Amino acid sequence: DVQLQASGGGLVQVGGSLRLSCTASGFDFGERAVSWFRQAPGKAFEGISCIRASDGGTHYTDSLRGRFTISSDNAKRTVYLQMNNLKPEDTAVYYCAVQKPGIIAAMDAACSLYYYSMESWGKGTQVTVSS
């Protein structure tokens, strides 16, 4: 079974930082890409960032590039999302997901942030940024 477990969420003040972790099992981690998404209350899922485990290639949504950094530890089968300078609008449930094999990302990106390109999702972790 493919399983992903997101953790590391919590309550943080504006300007603070959090590091989310996504630990995966049940698939060949080194051959896949893992993506982070978030969903704020009343809003659609938003793709944040993804990483291709085979070579560390990354892709970010433009609006979050520079504040959020994705990385992976293949030996631990874990993908991290470092979030800095957090803002109230970052409040959301954050999810990680593994991309379906064989997906070709748009615009020659290393990996996909398209919701329907994901094979399996972990349970989310809540991030709340207080002002």
N, C-alpha and C. Protein backbone atom coordinates (compact mmCIF):
# COMPACT_ATOMS: atom_id res chain seq x y z
N ASP A 1 0.84 -1.20 0.00
CA ASP A 1 0.00 0.00 0.00
C ASP A 1 0.87 1.24 0.00
N VAL A 2 0.51 2.17 -0.86
CA VAL A 2 1.16 3.48 -0.85
C VAL A 2 0.63 4.27 0.33
N GLN A 3 1.55 4.77 1.13
CA GLN A 3 1.17 5.58 2.29
C GLN A 3 2.08 6.79 2.39
N LEU A 4 1.47 7.91 2.72
CA LEU A 4 2.23 9.13 2.99
C LEU A 4 1.69 9.74 4.28
N GLN A 5 2.59 10.20 5.10
CA GLN A 5 2.21 10.78 6.37
C GLN A 5 2.85 12.15 6.51
N ALA A 6 2.01 13.17 6.52
CA ALA A 6 2.48 14.53 6.72
C ALA A 6 2.48 14.87 8.20
N SER A 7 3.47 15.62 8.62
CA SER A 7 3.54 16.05 10.01
C SER A 7 4.29 17.36 10.10
N GLY A 8 4.27 17.95 11.29
CA GLY A 8 5.03 19.17 11.52
C GLY A 8 4.23 20.44 11.55
N GLY A 9 2.94 20.34 11.31
CA GLY A 9 2.11 21.53 11.36
C GLY A 9 1.94 22.02 12.79
N GLY A 10 1.34 23.18 12.89
CA GLY A 10 1.10 23.74 14.22
C GLY A 10 0.69 25.19 14.14
N LEU A 11 0.73 25.83 15.29
CA LEU A 11 0.39 27.24 15.40
C LEU A 11 1.68 28.05 15.47
N VAL A 12 1.78 29.05 14.62
CA VAL A 12 2.99 29.88 14.57
C VAL A 12 2.58 31.33 14.36
N GLN A 13 3.39 32.23 14.86
CA GLN A 13 3.09 33.65 14.68
C GLN A 13 3.57 34.13 13.31
N VAL A 14 2.99 35.24 12.90
CA VAL A 14 3.40 35.86 11.64
C VAL A 14 4.92 36.08 11.64
N GLY A 15 5.52 35.72 10.55
CA GLY A 15 6.96 35.85 10.41
C GLY A 15 7.74 34.64 10.88
N GLY A 16 7.06 33.71 11.49
CA GLY A 16 7.73 32.52 11.99
C GLY A 16 7.98 31.48 10.91
N SER A 17 8.52 30.35 11.33
CA SER A 17 8.87 29.28 10.40
C SER A 17 8.35 27.94 10.91
N LEU A 18 8.12 27.06 9.98
CA LEU A 18 7.77 25.67 10.28
C LEU A 18 8.42 24.79 9.23
N ARG A 19 8.72 23.57 9.63
CA ARG A 19 9.19 22.58 8.66
C ARG A 19 8.24 21.39 8.69
N LEU A 20 7.62 21.15 7.56
CA LEU A 20 6.74 20.00 7.43
C LEU A 20 7.53 18.81 6.91
N SER A 21 7.11 17.63 7.33
CA SER A 21 7.72 16.39 6.84
C SER A 21 6.66 15.51 6.21
N CYS A 22 7.06 14.78 5.20
CA CYS A 22 6.18 13.81 4.55
C CYS A 22 6.96 12.52 4.41
N THR A 23 6.57 11.52 5.17
CA THR A 23 7.25 10.23 5.13
C THR A 23 6.43 9.26 4.31
N ALA A 24 7.10 8.58 3.39
CA ALA A 24 6.40 7.75 2.41
C ALA A 24 6.79 6.29 2.52
N SER A 25 5.88 5.42 2.10
CA SER A 25 6.17 3.99 2.04
C SER A 25 5.29 3.37 0.96
N GLY A 26 5.67 2.17 0.54
CA GLY A 26 4.84 1.43 -0.39
C GLY A 26 5.09 1.67 -1.86
N PHE A 27 6.15 2.41 -2.18
CA PHE A 27 6.50 2.62 -3.58
C PHE A 27 7.99 2.89 -3.66
N ASP A 28 8.52 2.86 -4.86
CA ASP A 28 9.94 3.10 -5.08
C ASP A 28 10.20 4.60 -4.99
N PHE A 29 10.56 5.06 -3.80
CA PHE A 29 10.67 6.49 -3.53
C PHE A 29 11.63 7.18 -4.51
N GLY A 30 12.72 6.52 -4.81
CA GLY A 30 13.74 7.14 -5.65
C GLY A 30 13.32 7.35 -7.10
N GLU A 31 12.22 6.76 -7.49
CA GLU A 31 11.78 6.86 -8.88
C GLU A 31 10.55 7.75 -9.04
N ARG A 32 10.14 8.40 -7.99
CA ARG A 32 8.89 9.16 -8.05
C ARG A 32 9.12 10.60 -7.61
N ALA A 33 8.09 11.39 -7.82
CA ALA A 33 8.08 12.78 -7.35
C ALA A 33 7.01 12.93 -6.28
N VAL A 34 7.30 13.74 -5.32
CA VAL A 34 6.36 14.03 -4.23
C VAL A 34 6.05 15.52 -4.24
N SER A 35 4.80 15.82 -4.06
CA SER A 35 4.34 17.21 -4.12
C SER A 35 3.67 17.61 -2.81
N TRP A 36 3.73 18.90 -2.53
CA TRP A 36 3.00 19.48 -1.42
C TRP A 36 1.87 20.36 -1.97
N PHE A 37 0.72 20.21 -1.34
CA PHE A 37 -0.44 21.04 -1.66
C PHE A 37 -0.96 21.63 -0.37
N ARG A 38 -1.84 22.59 -0.49
CA ARG A 38 -2.52 23.10 0.68
C ARG A 38 -3.94 23.48 0.31
N GLN A 39 -4.78 23.49 1.32
CA GLN A 39 -6.15 23.92 1.11
C GLN A 39 -6.56 24.80 2.28
N ALA A 40 -6.78 26.06 1.98
CA ALA A 40 -7.27 27.00 2.98
C ALA A 40 -8.77 26.88 3.08
N PRO A 41 -9.35 27.30 4.20
CA PRO A 41 -10.80 27.20 4.38
C PRO A 41 -11.55 27.89 3.25
N GLY A 42 -12.46 27.14 2.62
CA GLY A 42 -13.28 27.70 1.56
C GLY A 42 -12.59 27.90 0.24
N LYS A 43 -11.36 27.40 0.12
CA LYS A 43 -10.62 27.60 -1.12
C LYS A 43 -10.23 26.28 -1.76
N ALA A 44 -9.84 26.33 -3.01
CA ALA A 44 -9.45 25.13 -3.73
C ALA A 44 -8.05 24.69 -3.30
N PHE A 45 -7.73 23.45 -3.64
CA PHE A 45 -6.37 22.96 -3.42
C PHE A 45 -5.39 23.81 -4.22
N GLU A 46 -4.27 24.05 -3.62
CA GLU A 46 -3.22 24.83 -4.28
C GLU A 46 -1.92 24.03 -4.25
N GLY A 47 -1.33 23.82 -5.40
CA GLY A 47 -0.03 23.17 -5.46
C GLY A 47 1.06 24.12 -5.00
N ILE A 48 1.94 23.65 -4.14
CA ILE A 48 2.98 24.50 -3.57
C ILE A 48 4.33 24.21 -4.21
N SER A 49 4.75 22.97 -4.10
CA SER A 49 6.08 22.61 -4.56
C SER A 49 6.15 21.10 -4.72
N CYS A 50 7.10 20.67 -5.52
CA CYS A 50 7.31 19.24 -5.68
C CYS A 50 8.79 18.98 -5.89
N ILE A 51 9.17 17.73 -5.67
CA ILE A 51 10.57 17.34 -5.84
C ILE A 51 10.63 15.97 -6.47
N ARG A 52 11.53 15.84 -7.42
CA ARG A 52 11.76 14.57 -8.09
C ARG A 52 12.90 13.89 -7.38
N ALA A 53 12.63 12.76 -6.76
CA ALA A 53 13.61 12.13 -5.88
C ALA A 53 14.86 11.65 -6.61
N SER A 54 14.73 11.28 -7.85
CA SER A 54 15.85 10.70 -8.58
C SER A 54 17.03 11.66 -8.72
N ASP A 55 16.74 12.94 -8.89
CA ASP A 55 17.83 13.90 -9.08
C ASP A 55 17.66 15.18 -8.28
N GLY A 56 16.63 15.23 -7.45
CA GLY A 56 16.42 16.42 -6.63
C GLY A 56 15.83 17.60 -7.37
N GLY A 57 15.38 17.38 -8.59
CA GLY A 57 14.77 18.46 -9.34
C GLY A 57 13.52 18.97 -8.62
N THR A 58 13.34 20.28 -8.60
CA THR A 58 12.23 20.88 -7.87
C THR A 58 11.42 21.81 -8.75
N HIS A 59 10.24 22.09 -8.28
CA HIS A 59 9.36 23.03 -8.96
C HIS A 59 8.51 23.71 -7.89
N TYR A 60 8.28 25.00 -8.06
CA TYR A 60 7.51 25.78 -7.10
C TYR A 60 6.43 26.57 -7.82
N THR A 61 5.34 26.79 -7.11
CA THR A 61 4.40 27.77 -7.60
C THR A 61 5.03 29.15 -7.39
N ASP A 62 4.86 30.02 -8.36
CA ASP A 62 5.60 31.28 -8.36
C ASP A 62 5.36 32.11 -7.10
N SER A 63 4.14 32.09 -6.60
CA SER A 63 3.79 32.97 -5.48
C SER A 63 4.50 32.60 -4.18
N LEU A 64 5.01 31.37 -4.08
CA LEU A 64 5.62 30.92 -2.84
C LEU A 64 7.12 30.69 -2.97
N ARG A 65 7.60 30.81 -4.17
CA ARG A 65 9.04 30.62 -4.39
C ARG A 65 9.80 31.67 -3.57
N GLY A 66 10.81 31.24 -2.87
CA GLY A 66 11.60 32.15 -2.05
C GLY A 66 11.28 32.07 -0.57
N ARG A 67 10.04 31.83 -0.23
CA ARG A 67 9.68 31.66 1.18
C ARG A 67 9.63 30.19 1.57
N PHE A 68 9.27 29.33 0.63
CA PHE A 68 9.15 27.90 0.89
C PHE A 68 10.26 27.16 0.15
N THR A 69 10.83 26.16 0.81
CA THR A 69 11.88 25.36 0.20
C THR A 69 11.59 23.89 0.41
N ILE A 70 11.63 23.13 -0.67
CA ILE A 70 11.39 21.69 -0.59
C ILE A 70 12.71 20.96 -0.67
N SER A 71 12.80 19.84 0.04
CA SER A 71 14.00 19.01 0.00
C SER A 71 13.59 17.58 0.31
N SER A 72 14.51 16.67 0.09
CA SER A 72 14.19 15.28 0.39
C SER A 72 15.40 14.57 0.95
N ASP A 73 15.13 13.57 1.76
CA ASP A 73 16.14 12.65 2.27
C ASP A 73 15.71 11.27 1.79
N ASN A 74 16.32 10.83 0.70
CA ASN A 74 15.86 9.57 0.10
C ASN A 74 16.06 8.39 1.03
N ALA A 75 17.12 8.41 1.80
CA ALA A 75 17.38 7.29 2.73
C ALA A 75 16.27 7.18 3.76
N LYS A 76 15.69 8.31 4.14
CA LYS A 76 14.60 8.32 5.11
C LYS A 76 13.24 8.31 4.43
N ARG A 77 13.22 8.34 3.11
CA ARG A 77 11.98 8.35 2.34
C ARG A 77 11.09 9.50 2.82
N THR A 78 11.69 10.62 3.00
CA THR A 78 10.99 11.77 3.57
C THR A 78 11.25 13.01 2.73
N VAL A 79 10.19 13.75 2.51
CA VAL A 79 10.26 15.04 1.84
C VAL A 79 9.90 16.13 2.85
N TYR A 80 10.66 17.20 2.80
CA TYR A 80 10.45 18.29 3.75
C TYR A 80 9.97 19.55 3.01
N LEU A 81 9.22 20.34 3.73
CA LEU A 81 8.84 21.66 3.22
C LEU A 81 9.17 22.68 4.30
N GLN A 82 10.22 23.44 4.07
CA GLN A 82 10.61 24.49 4.99
C GLN A 82 9.84 25.76 4.62
N MET A 83 9.11 26.29 5.58
CA MET A 83 8.28 27.47 5.33
C MET A 83 8.76 28.60 6.23
N ASN A 84 9.17 29.68 5.62
CA ASN A 84 9.71 30.82 6.35
C ASN A 84 8.83 32.05 6.13
N ASN A 85 8.99 33.00 7.03
CA ASN A 85 8.26 34.27 6.95
C ASN A 85 6.77 34.01 6.71
N LEU A 86 6.21 33.20 7.57
CA LEU A 86 4.82 32.79 7.38
C LEU A 86 3.86 33.96 7.57
N LYS A 87 2.79 33.91 6.79
CA LYS A 87 1.78 34.95 6.79
C LYS A 87 0.43 34.34 7.12
N PRO A 88 -0.51 35.16 7.58
CA PRO A 88 -1.84 34.61 7.90
C PRO A 88 -2.47 33.86 6.72
N GLU A 89 -2.21 34.31 5.51
CA GLU A 89 -2.79 33.64 4.34
C GLU A 89 -2.16 32.28 4.06
N ASP A 90 -1.13 31.92 4.80
CA ASP A 90 -0.56 30.57 4.69
C ASP A 90 -1.33 29.57 5.55
N THR A 91 -2.27 30.04 6.35
CA THR A 91 -3.08 29.15 7.16
C THR A 91 -3.87 28.22 6.26
N ALA A 92 -3.68 26.92 6.46
CA ALA A 92 -4.31 25.92 5.60
C ALA A 92 -3.99 24.54 6.14
N VAL A 93 -4.65 23.56 5.58
CA VAL A 93 -4.23 22.18 5.79
C VAL A 93 -3.26 21.83 4.66
N TYR A 94 -2.13 21.31 5.04
CA TYR A 94 -1.08 20.99 4.08
C TYR A 94 -1.04 19.48 3.85
N TYR A 95 -0.97 19.10 2.59
CA TYR A 95 -0.99 17.69 2.20
C TYR A 95 0.23 17.38 1.34
N CYS A 96 0.72 16.16 1.48
CA CYS A 96 1.70 15.69 0.52
C CYS A 96 1.07 14.56 -0.31
N ALA A 97 1.61 14.41 -1.50
CA ALA A 97 1.06 13.43 -2.43
C ALA A 97 2.18 12.92 -3.32
N VAL A 98 2.05 11.68 -3.77
CA VAL A 98 3.04 11.11 -4.69
C VAL A 98 2.46 11.15 -6.10
N GLN A 99 3.29 11.61 -7.00
CA GLN A 99 2.87 11.76 -8.40
C GLN A 99 2.74 10.40 -9.07
N LYS A 100 1.79 10.27 -9.96
CA LYS A 100 1.65 9.04 -10.73
C LYS A 100 2.91 8.82 -11.56
N PRO A 101 3.29 7.56 -11.77
CA PRO A 101 4.46 7.32 -12.61
C PRO A 101 4.17 7.71 -14.06
N GLY A 102 5.20 8.19 -14.73
CA GLY A 102 5.07 8.50 -16.15
C GLY A 102 4.46 9.85 -16.46
N ILE A 103 4.15 10.63 -15.46
CA ILE A 103 3.56 11.95 -15.70
C ILE A 103 4.63 12.89 -16.25
N ILE A 104 4.29 13.58 -17.31
CA ILE A 104 5.18 14.61 -17.84
C ILE A 104 4.63 15.95 -17.41
N ALA A 105 5.41 16.66 -16.61
CA ALA A 105 4.94 17.94 -16.08
C ALA A 105 4.92 18.99 -17.18
N ALA A 106 4.09 19.98 -16.99
CA ALA A 106 3.97 21.05 -17.96
C ALA A 106 5.20 21.95 -17.95
N MET A 107 5.44 22.60 -19.07
CA MET A 107 6.49 23.63 -19.18
C MET A 107 7.86 23.10 -18.75
N ASP A 108 8.10 21.81 -19.02
CA ASP A 108 9.40 21.21 -18.71
C ASP A 108 9.77 21.29 -17.23
N ALA A 109 8.77 21.41 -16.36
CA ALA A 109 9.04 21.40 -14.93
C ALA A 109 9.55 20.02 -14.50
N ALA A 110 10.26 20.00 -13.39
CA ALA A 110 10.82 18.74 -12.90
C ALA A 110 9.74 17.79 -12.44
N CYS A 111 8.61 18.35 -12.02
CA CYS A 111 7.53 17.53 -11.47
C CYS A 111 6.24 18.35 -11.54
N SER A 112 5.16 17.72 -11.12
CA SER A 112 3.84 18.31 -11.35
C SER A 112 3.20 18.84 -10.06
N LEU A 113 2.48 19.92 -10.22
CA LEU A 113 1.64 20.45 -9.14
C LEU A 113 0.17 20.37 -9.53
N TYR A 114 -0.12 19.50 -10.46
CA TYR A 114 -1.50 19.32 -10.94
C TYR A 114 -2.17 18.26 -10.08
N TYR A 115 -3.28 18.63 -9.49
CA TYR A 115 -3.99 17.77 -8.55
C TYR A 115 -4.21 16.37 -9.12
N TYR A 116 -4.63 16.28 -10.38
CA TYR A 116 -5.02 15.00 -10.95
C TYR A 116 -3.82 14.19 -11.44
N SER A 117 -2.61 14.72 -11.25
CA SER A 117 -1.41 13.96 -11.55
C SER A 117 -0.94 13.14 -10.37
N MET A 118 -1.61 13.26 -9.23
CA MET A 118 -1.19 12.58 -8.02
C MET A 118 -1.85 11.20 -7.92
N GLU A 119 -1.08 10.26 -7.42
CA GLU A 119 -1.57 8.89 -7.27
C GLU A 119 -2.21 8.66 -5.91
N SER A 120 -1.55 9.18 -4.90
CA SER A 120 -2.01 8.91 -3.54
C SER A 120 -1.68 10.09 -2.65
N TRP A 121 -2.51 10.31 -1.66
CA TRP A 121 -2.40 11.47 -0.77
C TRP A 121 -2.26 11.03 0.68
N GLY A 122 -1.49 11.80 1.42
CA GLY A 122 -1.47 11.60 2.86
C GLY A 122 -2.54 12.43 3.53
N LYS A 123 -2.77 12.14 4.81
CA LYS A 123 -3.64 13.00 5.58
C LYS A 123 -2.92 14.33 5.81
N GLY A 124 -3.68 15.37 5.89
CA GLY A 124 -3.07 16.68 6.00
C GLY A 124 -2.60 17.01 7.39
N THR A 125 -1.82 18.08 7.45
CA THR A 125 -1.38 18.62 8.72
C THR A 125 -1.75 20.11 8.73
N GLN A 126 -2.34 20.54 9.83
CA GLN A 126 -2.85 21.90 9.92
C GLN A 126 -1.74 22.89 10.25
N VAL A 127 -1.68 23.95 9.50
CA VAL A 127 -0.78 25.07 9.79
C VAL A 127 -1.65 26.30 10.02
N THR A 128 -1.45 26.91 11.17
CA THR A 128 -2.21 28.11 11.51
C THR A 128 -1.22 29.23 11.83
N VAL A 129 -1.34 30.32 11.13
CA VAL A 129 -0.46 31.47 11.34
C VAL A 129 -1.28 32.58 11.97
N SER A 130 -0.88 32.96 13.16
CA SER A 130 -1.64 33.97 13.90
C SER A 130 -0.97 35.33 13.79
N SER A 131 -1.80 36.35 13.73
CA SER A 131 -1.26 37.72 13.61
C SER A 131 -1.26 38.43 14.95
